[in-house]
Amino acid sequence: MARRGNRQVLTIIGLILTLGSVFAPLGKWGKAYTGLGHLFGGEVLWWALVVIVLLYVALIERRPFSSIGFRRPKWSDILAGVGAAVVALGGILVIYTVLFPALHLQMNKGAMNGLLQTPLWFRILLVTRAAVGEELLFRGYAISRLDELSGSRMFAALLSWAIFTYAHLSYWGAAQLIIAGWGGLVLTILFLWRRNLWANMLAHWLTDGAGFLLG
């Protein structure tokens, strides 16, 4: 009983570390996207958080990385990741071309233009960090541990999805939450289905890459 209690405490601390990152000033380093030092500083902080979470799982929780979804991918996982990206991009296209005009909403062109004006190498780094970091924090760790803690996979999925969506508010604005919410929904369903972080990271990278690298 005591061992189970200790694991629950460690899980709660881990969830505060991962989901609490949304309320940390990590994004403020590069929010204005002016100056490469600013840009690189924000990414360093995010990668540091990724390393900290991985070390926390391995050294503090003493659990395998498979407990947060790091499993050897099968071809079916890769195909699922590519398929999820296609679904996410298709939905985003519908949102931009149909839903936004119907609701008289506009994309945050200032934020998008700011990103597209950054060097290609930084956008590649940004897309890769988002795919690795956000999937690790919001899907791999958060859903797995919330599921264990609450006993409800649906609660785990909804809470992590809501916090992931909210995380995009400060830079992208309220209208863009529809985009983040849709993408997060697809990625959440993918993780619940495959339970494989590699599939999620691939889907996330392809989705963001289509917008930030080809734009």
Protein backbone atom coordinates (compact mmCIF):
# COMPACT_ATOMS: atom_id res chain seq x y z
CA MET A 1 0.00 0.00 0.00
CA ALA A 2 2.82 2.39 0.92
CA ARG A 3 4.61 1.64 -2.34
CA ARG A 4 1.45 2.40 -4.30
CA GLY A 5 1.06 5.63 -2.36
CA ASN A 6 4.63 6.64 -3.18
CA ARG A 7 4.02 5.97 -6.86
CA GLN A 8 0.92 8.16 -6.77
CA VAL A 9 2.88 11.00 -5.18
CA LEU A 10 5.59 10.70 -7.81
CA THR A 11 2.92 10.67 -10.52
CA ILE A 12 1.34 13.85 -9.20
CA ILE A 13 4.73 15.56 -9.09
CA GLY A 14 5.43 14.42 -12.63
CA LEU A 15 2.09 15.76 -13.84
CA ILE A 16 2.78 19.11 -12.22
CA LEU A 17 6.14 19.15 -13.99
CA THR A 18 4.69 18.30 -17.41
CA LEU A 19 1.29 19.97 -17.49
CA GLY A 20 2.53 22.85 -15.36
CA SER A 21 4.91 23.76 -18.18
CA VAL A 22 1.93 25.42 -19.87
CA PHE A 23 1.98 28.12 -17.19
CA ALA A 24 5.77 28.54 -17.22
CA PRO A 25 7.30 31.40 -19.26
CA LEU A 26 8.95 29.04 -21.75
CA GLY A 27 7.29 30.54 -24.80
CA LYS A 28 8.01 34.16 -23.86
CA TRP A 29 11.64 33.77 -24.90
CA GLY A 30 10.67 33.59 -28.54
CA LYS A 31 7.18 35.04 -28.53
CA ALA A 32 8.11 38.09 -30.59
CA TYR A 33 10.44 36.04 -32.80
CA THR A 34 13.03 38.80 -32.94
CA GLY A 35 16.69 37.95 -32.61
CA LEU A 36 18.19 34.49 -32.97
CA GLY A 37 19.41 34.51 -29.37
CA HIS A 38 15.82 34.90 -28.19
CA LEU A 39 14.64 32.16 -30.52
CA PHE A 40 17.32 29.69 -29.58
CA GLY A 41 16.92 30.40 -25.85
CA GLY A 42 13.28 29.33 -25.88
CA GLU A 43 14.06 26.11 -27.68
CA VAL A 44 16.88 25.29 -25.24
CA LEU A 45 14.43 25.61 -22.35
CA TRP A 46 11.95 23.27 -24.03
CA TRP A 47 14.59 20.63 -24.80
CA ALA A 48 15.84 20.91 -21.23
CA LEU A 49 12.30 20.14 -20.02
CA VAL A 50 12.17 17.09 -22.32
CA VAL A 51 15.43 15.79 -20.82
CA ILE A 52 14.22 16.48 -17.28
CA VAL A 53 11.00 14.53 -17.85
CA LEU A 54 12.86 11.57 -19.31
CA LEU A 55 15.31 11.57 -16.41
CA TYR A 56 12.40 11.84 -13.98
CA VAL A 57 10.76 8.74 -15.46
CA ALA A 58 13.99 6.74 -15.49
CA LEU A 59 15.69 7.84 -12.24
CA ILE A 60 12.91 9.05 -9.93
CA GLU A 61 9.91 6.97 -10.94
CA ARG A 62 12.24 4.11 -11.95
CA ARG A 63 9.91 3.08 -14.72
CA PRO A 64 10.60 2.10 -18.35
CA PHE A 65 10.00 4.57 -21.15
CA SER A 66 7.43 2.14 -22.52
CA SER A 67 5.21 3.28 -19.62
CA ILE A 68 4.81 6.62 -21.41
CA GLY A 69 4.44 5.23 -24.91
CA PHE A 70 8.01 4.77 -26.15
CA ARG A 71 7.54 1.43 -27.86
CA ARG A 72 9.25 0.11 -30.96
CA PRO A 73 7.09 1.29 -33.85
CA LYS A 74 5.58 -1.17 -36.29
CA TRP A 75 4.76 -0.38 -39.88
CA SER A 76 1.16 -0.05 -38.80
CA ASP A 77 2.19 2.67 -36.32
CA ILE A 78 4.03 4.58 -39.05
CA LEU A 79 1.07 4.33 -41.40
CA ALA A 80 -1.25 5.42 -38.59
CA GLY A 81 0.96 8.45 -37.93
CA VAL A 82 0.93 9.46 -41.59
CA GLY A 83 -2.82 8.88 -41.78
CA ALA A 84 -3.42 11.00 -38.68
CA ALA A 85 -1.42 13.85 -40.23
CA VAL A 86 -3.56 13.67 -43.37
CA VAL A 87 -6.74 13.78 -41.26
CA ALA A 88 -5.41 16.68 -39.18
CA LEU A 89 -4.38 18.68 -42.26
CA GLY A 90 -7.69 17.97 -43.98
CA GLY A 91 -9.58 19.23 -40.96
CA ILE A 92 -7.41 22.34 -40.70
CA LEU A 93 -8.11 23.13 -44.36
CA VAL A 94 -11.86 22.87 -43.73
CA ILE A 95 -11.57 25.07 -40.64
CA TYR A 96 -9.68 27.78 -42.52
CA THR A 97 -11.80 27.72 -45.68
CA VAL A 98 -15.27 26.97 -44.30
CA LEU A 99 -15.58 27.39 -40.54
CA PHE A 100 -13.54 30.59 -40.10
CA PRO A 101 -15.46 32.50 -42.83
CA ALA A 102 -18.79 31.23 -41.47
CA LEU A 103 -17.90 32.48 -37.97
CA HIS A 104 -16.22 35.64 -39.29
CA LEU A 105 -12.91 34.61 -37.75
CA GLN A 106 -9.42 35.13 -39.12
CA MET A 107 -6.16 33.34 -38.62
CA ASN A 108 -3.46 35.16 -36.70
CA LYS A 109 -1.51 36.35 -39.73
CA GLY A 110 0.93 38.31 -37.60
CA ALA A 111 1.94 35.21 -35.66
CA MET A 112 2.20 33.08 -38.80
CA ASN A 113 4.20 35.70 -40.70
CA GLY A 114 6.51 36.08 -37.72
CA LEU A 115 7.24 32.37 -37.82
CA LEU A 116 7.70 32.22 -41.58
CA GLN A 117 10.24 35.05 -41.42
CA THR A 118 12.53 33.01 -39.21
CA PRO A 119 15.38 30.97 -40.78
CA LEU A 120 14.46 27.57 -42.16
CA TRP A 121 16.85 25.83 -39.76
CA PHE A 122 15.00 27.37 -36.82
CA ARG A 123 11.61 26.32 -38.17
CA ILE A 124 12.89 22.76 -38.57
CA LEU A 125 14.10 22.88 -34.97
CA LEU A 126 10.79 24.35 -33.84
CA VAL A 127 8.69 21.71 -35.60
CA THR A 128 10.90 18.91 -34.27
CA ARG A 129 10.78 20.25 -30.72
CA ALA A 130 7.01 20.64 -30.87
CA ALA A 131 6.60 17.09 -32.15
CA VAL A 132 8.91 15.58 -29.53
CA GLY A 133 8.24 17.85 -26.56
CA GLU A 134 4.49 18.32 -26.85
CA GLU A 135 3.80 14.66 -27.57
CA LEU A 136 5.98 13.57 -24.66
CA LEU A 137 4.40 16.00 -22.22
CA PHE A 138 0.76 16.14 -23.27
CA ARG A 139 0.19 12.69 -24.71
CA GLY A 140 2.84 10.23 -23.57
CA TYR A 141 3.30 11.27 -19.97
CA ALA A 142 0.06 13.12 -19.22
CA ILE A 143 -2.44 10.63 -20.65
CA SER A 144 -0.57 7.56 -19.36
CA ARG A 145 -0.16 8.89 -15.84
CA LEU A 146 -3.59 10.55 -15.57
CA ASP A 147 -5.14 7.28 -16.70
CA GLU A 148 -3.30 5.39 -13.96
CA LEU A 149 -4.08 8.01 -11.32
CA SER A 150 -7.77 8.50 -12.08
CA GLY A 151 -8.67 5.12 -13.50
CA SER A 152 -10.43 6.90 -16.36
CA ARG A 153 -8.86 6.98 -19.81
CA MET A 154 -11.53 9.42 -20.98
CA PHE A 155 -10.76 11.86 -18.16
CA ALA A 156 -7.04 11.57 -18.89
CA ALA A 157 -7.58 12.24 -22.58
CA LEU A 158 -9.93 15.19 -22.09
CA LEU A 159 -7.81 16.95 -19.47
CA SER A 160 -4.56 16.61 -21.41
CA TRP A 161 -6.34 17.73 -24.61
CA ALA A 162 -7.82 20.79 -22.89
CA ILE A 163 -4.47 21.87 -21.42
CA PHE A 164 -2.68 21.27 -24.73
CA THR A 165 -5.24 23.44 -26.51
CA TYR A 166 -4.97 26.20 -23.91
CA ALA A 167 -1.19 26.19 -24.28
CA HIS A 168 -1.58 27.72 -27.75
CA LEU A 169 -3.61 30.72 -26.58
CA SER A 170 -0.86 33.13 -25.54
CA TYR A 171 0.88 33.28 -28.91
CA TRP A 172 -1.78 32.31 -31.45
CA GLY A 173 -4.89 33.93 -29.98
CA ALA A 174 -8.42 32.69 -29.27
CA ALA A 175 -9.53 31.91 -32.85
CA GLN A 176 -6.52 29.71 -33.40
CA LEU A 177 -7.58 27.52 -30.47
CA ILE A 178 -9.99 25.85 -32.88
CA ILE A 179 -7.01 24.73 -34.96
CA ALA A 180 -5.04 23.61 -31.91
CA GLY A 181 -8.09 21.86 -30.50
CA TRP A 182 -8.68 19.93 -33.72
CA GLY A 183 -5.04 18.93 -34.07
CA GLY A 184 -4.89 17.96 -30.40
CA LEU A 185 -8.03 15.87 -30.76
CA VAL A 186 -6.58 13.90 -33.68
CA LEU A 187 -3.29 13.35 -31.82
CA THR A 188 -5.10 12.32 -28.63
CA ILE A 189 -7.20 9.74 -30.47
CA LEU A 190 -4.07 8.46 -32.22
CA PHE A 191 -2.29 7.94 -28.88
CA LEU A 192 -5.29 6.21 -27.31
CA TRP A 193 -5.43 3.93 -30.33
CA ARG A 194 -1.77 3.09 -30.88
CA ARG A 195 -0.22 3.95 -27.48
CA ASN A 196 2.97 4.65 -29.40
CA LEU A 197 4.72 8.01 -29.05
CA TRP A 198 6.70 7.55 -32.26
CA ALA A 199 3.47 7.46 -34.26
CA ASN A 200 2.30 10.63 -32.52
CA MET A 201 5.58 12.44 -33.04
CA LEU A 202 5.53 11.56 -36.73
CA ALA A 203 1.95 12.80 -37.13
CA HIS A 204 2.71 16.01 -35.22
CA TRP A 205 5.89 16.68 -37.23
CA LEU A 206 4.17 16.18 -40.58
CA THR A 207 1.22 18.37 -39.59
CA ASP A 208 3.31 21.28 -38.31
CA GLY A 209 5.88 20.83 -41.06
CA ALA A 210 3.23 21.26 -43.75
CA GLY A 211 2.36 24.66 -42.33
CA PHE A 212 5.69 26.02 -41.12
CA LEU A 213 8.22 24.50 -43.54
CA LEU A 214 6.30 24.62 -46.82
CA GLY A 215 4.66 28.00 -46.21
